[in-house]
Amino acid sequence: FKVKKITVPMAAAQGYDSVYLLIYALFGIQNGNITG
């Protein structure tokens, strides 16, 4: 993002981790049936 400083680092880090938690959960769905 070509920045020297993140305006609110917590927001960036928590957003980043949220995506990975979601994808890890998706990999836990054995039959590939992606429903809510």
PDB file of all heavy atoms in Angstrom:
ATOM      1  N   PHE A   1       0.808  -1.220   0.000  1.00  0.00           N
ATOM      2  CA  PHE A   1       0.000   0.000   0.000  1.00  0.00           C
ATOM      3  C   PHE A   1       0.844   1.275   0.000  1.00  0.00           C
ATOM      4  O   PHE A   1       0.298   2.375   0.089  1.00  0.00           O
ATOM      5  CB  PHE A   1      -0.972  -0.026   1.186  1.00  0.00           C
ATOM      6  CG  PHE A   1      -1.930  -1.193   1.117  1.00  0.00           C
ATOM      7  CD1 PHE A   1      -1.778  -2.278   1.968  1.00  0.00           C
ATOM      8  CD2 PHE A   1      -2.932  -1.228   0.160  1.00  0.00           C
ATOM      9  CE1 PHE A   1      -2.632  -3.366   1.894  1.00  0.00           C
ATOM     10  CE2 PHE A   1      -3.788  -2.315   0.075  1.00  0.00           C
ATOM     11  CZ  PHE A   1      -3.634  -3.395   0.936  1.00  0.00           C
ATOM     12  N   LYS A   2       2.171   1.092  -0.074  1.00  0.00           N
ATOM     13  CA  LYS A   2       3.100   2.223  -0.211  1.00  0.00           C
ATOM     14  C   LYS A   2       2.896   3.266   0.894  1.00  0.00           C
ATOM     15  O   LYS A   2       2.730   4.456   0.637  1.00  0.00           O
ATOM     16  CB  LYS A   2       2.964   2.864  -1.603  1.00  0.00           C
ATOM     17  CG  LYS A   2       3.319   1.912  -2.740  1.00  0.00           C
ATOM     18  CD  LYS A   2       3.128   2.562  -4.099  1.00  0.00           C
ATOM     19  CE  LYS A   2       3.656   1.691  -5.215  1.00  0.00           C
ATOM     20  NZ  LYS A   2       3.084   0.323  -5.253  1.00  0.00           N
ATOM     21  N   VAL A   3       2.886   2.781   2.121  1.00  0.00           N
ATOM     22  CA  VAL A   3       2.750   3.665   3.279  1.00  0.00           C
ATOM     23  C   VAL A   3       3.866   3.361   4.270  1.00  0.00           C
ATOM     24  O   VAL A   3       4.367   2.240   4.336  1.00  0.00           O
ATOM     25  CB  VAL A   3       1.383   3.494   3.984  1.00  0.00           C
ATOM     26  CG1 VAL A   3       0.249   3.922   3.064  1.00  0.00           C
ATOM     27  CG2 VAL A   3       1.178   2.064   4.468  1.00  0.00           C
ATOM     28  N   LYS A   4       4.249   4.366   5.017  1.00  0.00           N
ATOM     29  CA  LYS A   4       5.241   4.167   6.073  1.00  0.00           C
ATOM     30  C   LYS A   4       4.568   3.866   7.410  1.00  0.00           C
ATOM     31  O   LYS A   4       5.197   3.334   8.323  1.00  0.00           O
ATOM     32  CB  LYS A   4       6.126   5.414   6.202  1.00  0.00           C
ATOM     33  CG  LYS A   4       7.024   5.653   4.999  1.00  0.00           C
ATOM     34  CD  LYS A   4       7.921   6.854   5.218  1.00  0.00           C
ATOM     35  CE  LYS A   4       8.850   7.070   4.032  1.00  0.00           C
ATOM     36  NZ  LYS A   4       9.719   8.270   4.222  1.00  0.00           N
ATOM     37  N   LYS A   5       3.270   4.230   7.503  1.00  0.00           N
ATOM     38  CA  LYS A   5       2.576   4.100   8.775  1.00  0.00           C
ATOM     39  C   LYS A   5       1.125   3.708   8.516  1.00  0.00           C
ATOM     40  O   LYS A   5       0.446   4.317   7.683  1.00  0.00           O
ATOM     41  CB  LYS A   5       2.652   5.441   9.533  1.00  0.00           C
ATOM     42  CG  LYS A   5       1.999   5.455  10.887  1.00  0.00           C
ATOM     43  CD  LYS A   5       2.186   6.842  11.514  1.00  0.00           C
ATOM     44  CE  LYS A   5       1.516   6.951  12.861  1.00  0.00           C
ATOM     45  NZ  LYS A   5       1.676   8.305  13.451  1.00  0.00           N
ATOM     46  N   ILE A   6       0.635   2.695   9.215  1.00  0.00           N
ATOM     47  CA  ILE A   6      -0.774   2.310   9.121  1.00  0.00           C
ATOM     48  C   ILE A   6      -1.570   3.244  10.028  1.00  0.00           C
ATOM     49  O   ILE A   6      -1.217   3.427  11.197  1.00  0.00           O
ATOM     50  CB  ILE A   6      -0.986   0.851   9.565  1.00  0.00           C
ATOM     51  CG1 ILE A   6      -0.062  -0.096   8.804  1.00  0.00           C
ATOM     52  CG2 ILE A   6      -2.445   0.444   9.367  1.00  0.00           C
ATOM     53  CD1 ILE A   6      -0.122  -1.548   9.283  1.00  0.00           C
ATOM     54  N   THR A   7      -2.633   3.839   9.499  1.00  0.00           N
ATOM     55  CA  THR A   7      -3.371   4.822  10.308  1.00  0.00           C
ATOM     56  C   THR A   7      -3.938   4.200  11.580  1.00  0.00           C
ATOM     57  O   THR A   7      -3.851   4.786  12.658  1.00  0.00           O
ATOM     58  CB  THR A   7      -4.514   5.468   9.498  1.00  0.00           C
ATOM     59  OG1 THR A   7      -5.332   4.439   8.922  1.00  0.00           O
ATOM     60  CG2 THR A   7      -3.964   6.363   8.403  1.00  0.00           C
ATOM     61  N   VAL A   8      -4.538   2.999  11.458  1.00  0.00           N
ATOM     62  CA  VAL A   8      -5.043   2.287  12.641  1.00  0.00           C
ATOM     63  C   VAL A   8      -4.607   0.817  12.500  1.00  0.00           C
ATOM     64  O   VAL A   8      -5.307   0.009  11.883  1.00  0.00           O
ATOM     65  CB  VAL A   8      -6.574   2.397  12.768  1.00  0.00           C
ATOM     66  CG1 VAL A   8      -7.070   1.648  14.006  1.00  0.00           C
ATOM     67  CG2 VAL A   8      -7.010   3.865  12.842  1.00  0.00           C
ATOM     68  N   PRO A   9      -3.453   0.466  13.066  1.00  0.00           N
ATOM     69  CA  PRO A   9      -2.912  -0.879  12.881  1.00  0.00           C
ATOM     70  C   PRO A   9      -3.848  -2.001  13.347  1.00  0.00           C
ATOM     71  O   PRO A   9      -3.911  -3.059  12.720  1.00  0.00           O
ATOM     72  CB  PRO A   9      -1.621  -0.859  13.711  1.00  0.00           C
ATOM     73  CG  PRO A   9      -1.210   0.584  13.712  1.00  0.00           C
ATOM     74  CD  PRO A   9      -2.488   1.351  13.777  1.00  0.00           C
ATOM     75  N   MET A  10      -4.575  -1.792  14.460  1.00  0.00           N
ATOM     76  CA  MET A  10      -5.489  -2.827  14.946  1.00  0.00           C
ATOM     77  C   MET A  10      -6.511  -3.214  13.888  1.00  0.00           C
ATOM     78  O   MET A  10      -6.830  -4.388  13.703  1.00  0.00           O
ATOM     79  CB  MET A  10      -6.226  -2.343  16.204  1.00  0.00           C
ATOM     80  CG  MET A  10      -5.551  -2.702  17.511  1.00  0.00           C
ATOM     81  SD  MET A  10      -6.490  -2.094  18.953  1.00  0.00           S
ATOM     82  CE  MET A  10      -7.981  -3.104  18.869  1.00  0.00           C
ATOM     83  N   ALA A  11      -7.057  -2.212  13.193  1.00  0.00           N
ATOM     84  CA  ALA A  11      -8.068  -2.476  12.177  1.00  0.00           C
ATOM     85  C   ALA A  11      -7.500  -3.327  11.051  1.00  0.00           C
ATOM     86  O   ALA A  11      -8.153  -4.258  10.557  1.00  0.00           O
ATOM     87  CB  ALA A  11      -8.622  -1.166  11.628  1.00  0.00           C
ATOM     88  N   ALA A  12      -6.281  -3.014  10.641  1.00  0.00           N
ATOM     89  CA  ALA A  12      -5.643  -3.769   9.561  1.00  0.00           C
ATOM     90  C   ALA A  12      -5.371  -5.204   9.985  1.00  0.00           C
ATOM     91  O   ALA A  12      -5.657  -6.155   9.246  1.00  0.00           O
ATOM     92  CB  ALA A  12      -4.350  -3.076   9.147  1.00  0.00           C
ATOM     93  N   ALA A  13      -4.809  -5.378  11.165  1.00  0.00           N
ATOM     94  CA  ALA A  13      -4.431  -6.713  11.635  1.00  0.00           C
ATOM     95  C   ALA A  13      -5.662  -7.584  11.872  1.00  0.00           C
ATOM     96  O   ALA A  13      -5.679  -8.770  11.521  1.00  0.00           O
ATOM     97  CB  ALA A  13      -3.605  -6.596  12.915  1.00  0.00           C
ATOM     98  N   GLN A  14      -6.702  -7.011  12.462  1.00  0.00           N
ATOM     99  CA  GLN A  14      -7.914  -7.791  12.735  1.00  0.00           C
ATOM    100  C   GLN A  14      -8.667  -8.128  11.445  1.00  0.00           C
ATOM    101  O   GLN A  14      -9.253  -9.203  11.322  1.00  0.00           O
ATOM    102  CB  GLN A  14      -8.800  -7.043  13.725  1.00  0.00           C
ATOM    103  CG  GLN A  14      -8.191  -7.031  15.129  1.00  0.00           C
ATOM    104  CD  GLN A  14      -8.783  -6.016  16.091  1.00  0.00           C
ATOM    105  OE1 GLN A  14      -8.333  -5.899  17.222  1.00  0.00           O
ATOM    106  NE2 GLN A  14      -9.774  -5.249  15.658  1.00  0.00           N
ATOM    107  N   GLY A  15      -8.640  -7.218  10.469  1.00  0.00           N
ATOM    108  CA  GLY A  15      -9.230  -7.517   9.171  1.00  0.00           C
ATOM    109  C   GLY A  15      -8.495  -8.657   8.482  1.00  0.00           C
ATOM    110  O   GLY A  15      -9.115  -9.574   7.922  1.00  0.00           O
ATOM    111  N   TYR A  16      -7.176  -8.609   8.538  1.00  0.00           N
ATOM    112  CA  TYR A  16      -6.321  -9.642   7.936  1.00  0.00           C
ATOM    113  C   TYR A  16      -6.610 -11.005   8.556  1.00  0.00           C
ATOM    114  O   TYR A  16      -6.868 -11.994   7.853  1.00  0.00           O
ATOM    115  CB  TYR A  16      -4.870  -9.232   8.154  1.00  0.00           C
ATOM    116  CG  TYR A  16      -3.814 -10.166   7.627  1.00  0.00           C
ATOM    117  CD1 TYR A  16      -3.334 -10.051   6.332  1.00  0.00           C
ATOM    118  CD2 TYR A  16      -3.253 -11.144   8.453  1.00  0.00           C
ATOM    119  CE1 TYR A  16      -2.326 -10.890   5.849  1.00  0.00           C
ATOM    120  CE2 TYR A  16      -2.257 -11.990   7.991  1.00  0.00           C
ATOM    121  CZ  TYR A  16      -1.794 -11.863   6.688  1.00  0.00           C
ATOM    122  OH  TYR A  16      -0.803 -12.692   6.229  1.00  0.00           O
ATOM    123  N   ASP A  17      -6.604 -11.078   9.875  1.00  0.00           N
ATOM    124  CA  ASP A  17      -6.850 -12.350  10.560  1.00  0.00           C
ATOM    125  C   ASP A  17      -8.257 -12.879  10.285  1.00  0.00           C
ATOM    126  O   ASP A  17      -8.471 -14.101  10.199  1.00  0.00           O
ATOM    127  CB  ASP A  17      -6.644 -12.193  12.069  1.00  0.00           C
ATOM    128  CG  ASP A  17      -5.177 -12.257  12.484  1.00  0.00           C
ATOM    129  OD1 ASP A  17      -4.309 -12.483  11.608  1.00  0.00           O
ATOM    130  OD2 ASP A  17      -4.898 -12.086  13.686  1.00  0.00           O
ATOM    131  N   SER A  18      -9.223 -11.981  10.136  1.00  0.00           N
ATOM    132  CA  SER A  18     -10.608 -12.413   9.898  1.00  0.00           C
ATOM    133  C   SER A  18     -10.733 -13.205   8.607  1.00  0.00           C
ATOM    134  O   SER A  18     -11.475 -14.198   8.535  1.00  0.00           O
ATOM    135  CB  SER A  18     -11.540 -11.197   9.852  1.00  0.00           C
ATOM    136  OG  SER A  18     -11.594 -10.548  11.103  1.00  0.00           O
ATOM    137  N   VAL A  19     -10.013 -12.783   7.569  1.00  0.00           N
ATOM    138  CA  VAL A  19     -10.063 -13.502   6.290  1.00  0.00           C
ATOM    139  C   VAL A  19      -9.507 -14.916   6.460  1.00  0.00           C
ATOM    140  O   VAL A  19     -10.095 -15.902   5.982  1.00  0.00           O
ATOM    141  CB  VAL A  19      -9.275 -12.750   5.202  1.00  0.00           C
ATOM    142  CG1 VAL A  19      -9.272 -13.552   3.892  1.00  0.00           C
ATOM    143  CG2 VAL A  19      -9.855 -11.368   4.965  1.00  0.00           C
ATOM    144  N   TYR A  20      -8.392 -15.021   7.150  1.00  0.00           N
ATOM    145  CA  TYR A  20      -7.793 -16.344   7.322  1.00  0.00           C
ATOM    146  C   TYR A  20      -8.663 -17.259   8.180  1.00  0.00           C
ATOM    147  O   TYR A  20      -8.760 -18.468   7.909  1.00  0.00           O
ATOM    148  CB  TYR A  20      -6.385 -16.212   7.909  1.00  0.00           C
ATOM    149  CG  TYR A  20      -5.334 -16.003   6.844  1.00  0.00           C
ATOM    150  CD1 TYR A  20      -4.854 -14.734   6.552  1.00  0.00           C
ATOM    151  CD2 TYR A  20      -4.846 -17.076   6.104  1.00  0.00           C
ATOM    152  CE1 TYR A  20      -3.901 -14.540   5.558  1.00  0.00           C
ATOM    153  CE2 TYR A  20      -3.892 -16.896   5.106  1.00  0.00           C
ATOM    154  CZ  TYR A  20      -3.421 -15.631   4.837  1.00  0.00           C
ATOM    155  OH  TYR A  20      -2.483 -15.459   3.847  1.00  0.00           O
ATOM    156  N   LEU A  21      -9.312 -16.710   9.198  1.00  0.00           N
ATOM    157  CA  LEU A  21     -10.208 -17.540  10.004  1.00  0.00           C
ATOM    158  C   LEU A  21     -11.366 -18.062   9.157  1.00  0.00           C
ATOM    159  O   LEU A  21     -11.786 -19.209   9.291  1.00  0.00           O
ATOM    160  CB  LEU A  21     -10.721 -16.755  11.207  1.00  0.00           C
ATOM    161  CG  LEU A  21      -9.673 -16.426  12.279  1.00  0.00           C
ATOM    162  CD1 LEU A  21     -10.312 -15.626  13.402  1.00  0.00           C
ATOM    163  CD2 LEU A  21      -9.035 -17.691  12.827  1.00  0.00           C
ATOM    164  N   LEU A  22     -11.877 -17.202   8.278  1.00  0.00           N
ATOM    165  CA  LEU A  22     -12.957 -17.633   7.392  1.00  0.00           C
ATOM    166  C   LEU A  22     -12.475 -18.733   6.448  1.00  0.00           C
ATOM    167  O   LEU A  22     -13.150 -19.761   6.274  1.00  0.00           O
ATOM    168  CB  LEU A  22     -13.494 -16.441   6.598  1.00  0.00           C
ATOM    169  CG  LEU A  22     -14.558 -16.767   5.543  1.00  0.00           C
ATOM    170  CD1 LEU A  22     -15.785 -17.425   6.183  1.00  0.00           C
ATOM    171  CD2 LEU A  22     -14.969 -15.495   4.788  1.00  0.00           C
ATOM    172  N   ILE A  23     -11.314 -18.555   5.832  1.00  0.00           N
ATOM    173  CA  ILE A  23     -10.839 -19.558   4.871  1.00  0.00           C
ATOM    174  C   ILE A  23     -10.493 -20.862   5.574  1.00  0.00           C
ATOM    175  O   ILE A  23     -10.744 -21.957   5.054  1.00  0.00           O
ATOM    176  CB  ILE A  23      -9.646 -19.028   4.033  1.00  0.00           C
ATOM    177  CG1 ILE A  23      -9.485 -19.842   2.739  1.00  0.00           C
ATOM    178  CG2 ILE A  23      -8.358 -19.027   4.804  1.00  0.00           C
ATOM    179  CD1 ILE A  23     -10.551 -19.562   1.718  1.00  0.00           C
ATOM    180  N   TYR A  24      -9.955 -20.799   6.796  1.00  0.00           N
ATOM    181  CA  TYR A  24      -9.680 -22.018   7.552  1.00  0.00           C
ATOM    182  C   TYR A  24     -10.978 -22.755   7.853  1.00  0.00           C
ATOM    183  O   TYR A  24     -11.035 -23.985   7.818  1.00  0.00           O
ATOM    184  CB  TYR A  24      -8.933 -21.696   8.847  1.00  0.00           C
ATOM    185  CG  TYR A  24      -7.429 -21.642   8.701  1.00  0.00           C
ATOM    186  CD1 TYR A  24      -6.826 -20.952   7.647  1.00  0.00           C
ATOM    187  CD2 TYR A  24      -6.600 -22.270   9.612  1.00  0.00           C
ATOM    188  CE1 TYR A  24      -5.449 -20.899   7.516  1.00  0.00           C
ATOM    189  CE2 TYR A  24      -5.215 -22.219   9.498  1.00  0.00           C
ATOM    190  CZ  TYR A  24      -4.641 -21.536   8.446  1.00  0.00           C
ATOM    191  OH  TYR A  24      -3.271 -21.486   8.319  1.00  0.00           O
ATOM    192  N   ALA A  25     -12.036 -21.998   8.161  1.00  0.00           N
ATOM    193  CA  ALA A  25     -13.345 -22.620   8.405  1.00  0.00           C
ATOM    194  C   ALA A  25     -13.862 -23.290   7.133  1.00  0.00           C
ATOM    195  O   ALA A  25     -14.386 -24.413   7.178  1.00  0.00           O
ATOM    196  CB  ALA A  25     -14.341 -21.577   8.915  1.00  0.00           C
ATOM    197  N   LEU A  26     -13.711 -22.612   6.009  1.00  0.00           N
ATOM    198  CA  LEU A  26     -14.172 -23.188   4.740  1.00  0.00           C
ATOM    199  C   LEU A  26     -13.474 -24.520   4.445  1.00  0.00           C
ATOM    200  O   LEU A  26     -14.097 -25.473   3.975  1.00  0.00           O
ATOM    201  CB  LEU A  26     -13.938 -22.204   3.595  1.00  0.00           C
ATOM    202  CG  LEU A  26     -14.801 -20.935   3.592  1.00  0.00           C
ATOM    203  CD1 LEU A  26     -14.338 -19.982   2.495  1.00  0.00           C
ATOM    204  CD2 LEU A  26     -16.272 -21.273   3.402  1.00  0.00           C
ATOM    205  N   PHE A  27     -12.187 -24.586   4.758  1.00  0.00           N
ATOM    206  CA  PHE A  27     -11.460 -25.837   4.524  1.00  0.00           C
ATOM    207  C   PHE A  27     -11.934 -26.946   5.459  1.00  0.00           C
ATOM    208  O   PHE A  27     -11.663 -28.121   5.219  1.00  0.00           O
ATOM    209  CB  PHE A  27      -9.952 -25.622   4.684  1.00  0.00           C
ATOM    210  CG  PHE A  27      -9.304 -25.030   3.461  1.00  0.00           C
ATOM    211  CD1 PHE A  27      -8.712 -23.777   3.501  1.00  0.00           C
ATOM    212  CD2 PHE A  27      -9.289 -25.729   2.260  1.00  0.00           C
ATOM    213  CE1 PHE A  27      -8.123 -23.226   2.372  1.00  0.00           C
ATOM    214  CE2 PHE A  27      -8.689 -25.189   1.125  1.00  0.00           C
ATOM    215  CZ  PHE A  27      -8.114 -23.932   1.180  1.00  0.00           C
ATOM    216  N   GLY A  28     -12.658 -26.567   6.502  1.00  0.00           N
ATOM    217  CA  GLY A  28     -13.189 -27.569   7.419  1.00  0.00           C
ATOM    218  C   GLY A  28     -14.519 -28.145   6.986  1.00  0.00           C
ATOM    219  O   GLY A  28     -15.045 -29.058   7.634  1.00  0.00           O
ATOM    220  N   ILE A  29     -15.089 -27.630   5.907  1.00  0.00           N
ATOM    221  CA  ILE A  29     -16.365 -28.155   5.397  1.00  0.00           C
ATOM    222  C   ILE A  29     -16.052 -29.335   4.480  1.00  0.00           C
ATOM    223  O   ILE A  29     -15.560 -29.155   3.356  1.00  0.00           O
ATOM    224  CB  ILE A  29     -17.154 -27.052   4.650  1.00  0.00           C
ATOM    225  CG1 ILE A  29     -17.466 -25.897   5.611  1.00  0.00           C
ATOM    226  CG2 ILE A  29     -18.442 -27.623   4.060  1.00  0.00           C
ATOM    227  CD1 ILE A  29     -18.100 -24.691   4.943  1.00  0.00           C
ATOM    228  N   GLN A  30     -16.315 -30.529   4.962  1.00  0.00           N
ATOM    229  CA  GLN A  30     -15.835 -31.739   4.290  1.00  0.00           C
ATOM    230  C   GLN A  30     -16.472 -31.991   2.929  1.00  0.00           C
ATOM    231  O   GLN A  30     -15.812 -32.426   1.998  1.00  0.00           O
ATOM    232  CB  GLN A  30     -16.072 -32.952   5.202  1.00  0.00           C
ATOM    233  CG  GLN A  30     -15.313 -32.886   6.520  1.00  0.00           C
ATOM    234  CD  GLN A  30     -13.807 -32.798   6.337  1.00  0.00           C
ATOM    235  OE1 GLN A  30     -13.244 -33.483   5.491  1.00  0.00           O
ATOM    236  NE2 GLN A  30     -13.146 -31.955   7.119  1.00  0.00           N
ATOM    237  N   ASN A  31     -17.757 -31.708   2.796  1.00  0.00           N
ATOM    238  CA  ASN A  31     -18.435 -32.064   1.552  1.00  0.00           C
ATOM    239  C   ASN A  31     -18.425 -30.958   0.504  1.00  0.00           C
ATOM    240  O   ASN A  31     -19.008 -31.106  -0.574  1.00  0.00           O
ATOM    241  CB  ASN A  31     -19.885 -32.486   1.838  1.00  0.00           C
ATOM    242  CG  ASN A  31     -20.691 -31.373   2.501  1.00  0.00           C
ATOM    243  OD1 ASN A  31     -20.221 -30.244   2.605  1.00  0.00           O
ATOM    244  ND2 ASN A  31     -21.897 -31.699   2.949  1.00  0.00           N
ATOM    245  N   GLY A  32     -17.780 -29.822   0.811  1.00  0.00           N
ATOM    246  CA  GLY A  32     -17.713 -28.726  -0.153  1.00  0.00           C
ATOM    247  C   GLY A  32     -19.019 -27.997  -0.356  1.00  0.00           C
ATOM    248  O   GLY A  32     -19.142 -27.175  -1.268  1.00  0.00           O
ATOM    249  N   ASN A  33     -20.010 -28.266   0.497  1.00  0.00           N
ATOM    250  CA  ASN A  33     -21.325 -27.613   0.384  1.00  0.00           C
ATOM    251  C   ASN A  33     -21.273 -26.270   1.110  1.00  0.00           C
ATOM    252  O   ASN A  33     -21.507 -26.191   2.321  1.00  0.00           O
ATOM    253  CB  ASN A  33     -22.405 -28.521   0.973  1.00  0.00           C
ATOM    254  CG  ASN A  33     -23.799 -27.939   0.794  1.00  0.00           C
ATOM    255  OD1 ASN A  33     -24.024 -27.105  -0.087  1.00  0.00           O
ATOM    256  ND2 ASN A  33     -24.723 -28.365   1.630  1.00  0.00           N
ATOM    257  N   ILE A  34     -20.962 -25.214   0.375  1.00  0.00           N
ATOM    258  CA  ILE A  34     -20.718 -23.907   0.984  1.00  0.00           C
ATOM    259  C   ILE A  34     -22.045 -23.167   1.161  1.00  0.00           C
ATOM    260  O   ILE A  34     -22.497 -22.426   0.281  1.00  0.00           O
ATOM    261  CB  ILE A  34     -19.735 -23.064   0.128  1.00  0.00           C
ATOM    262  CG1 ILE A  34     -18.453 -23.851  -0.128  1.00  0.00           C
ATOM    263  CG2 ILE A  34     -19.419 -21.754   0.837  1.00  0.00           C
ATOM    264  CD1 ILE A  34     -17.722 -24.278   1.117  1.00  0.00           C
ATOM    265  N   THR A  35     -22.673 -23.387   2.304  1.00  0.00           N
ATOM    266  CA  THR A  35     -23.889 -22.667   2.658  1.00  0.00           C
ATOM    267  C   THR A  35     -23.645 -21.880   3.935  1.00  0.00           C
ATOM    268  O   THR A  35     -22.681 -22.148   4.655  1.00  0.00           O
ATOM    269  CB  THR A  35     -25.053 -23.646   2.900  1.00  0.00           C
ATOM    270  OG1 THR A  35     -24.742 -24.454   4.063  1.00  0.00           O
ATOM    271  CG2 THR A  35     -25.288 -24.535   1.698  1.00  0.00           C
ATOM    272  N   GLY A  36     -24.526 -20.931   4.213  1.00  0.00           N
ATOM    273  CA  GLY A  36     -24.390 -20.160   5.438  1.00  0.00           C
ATOM    274  C   GLY A  36     -24.353 -21.035   6.680  1.00  0.00           C
ATOM    275  O   GLY A  36     -23.439 -20.893   7.521  1.00  0.00           O
TER     276      GLY A  36
END
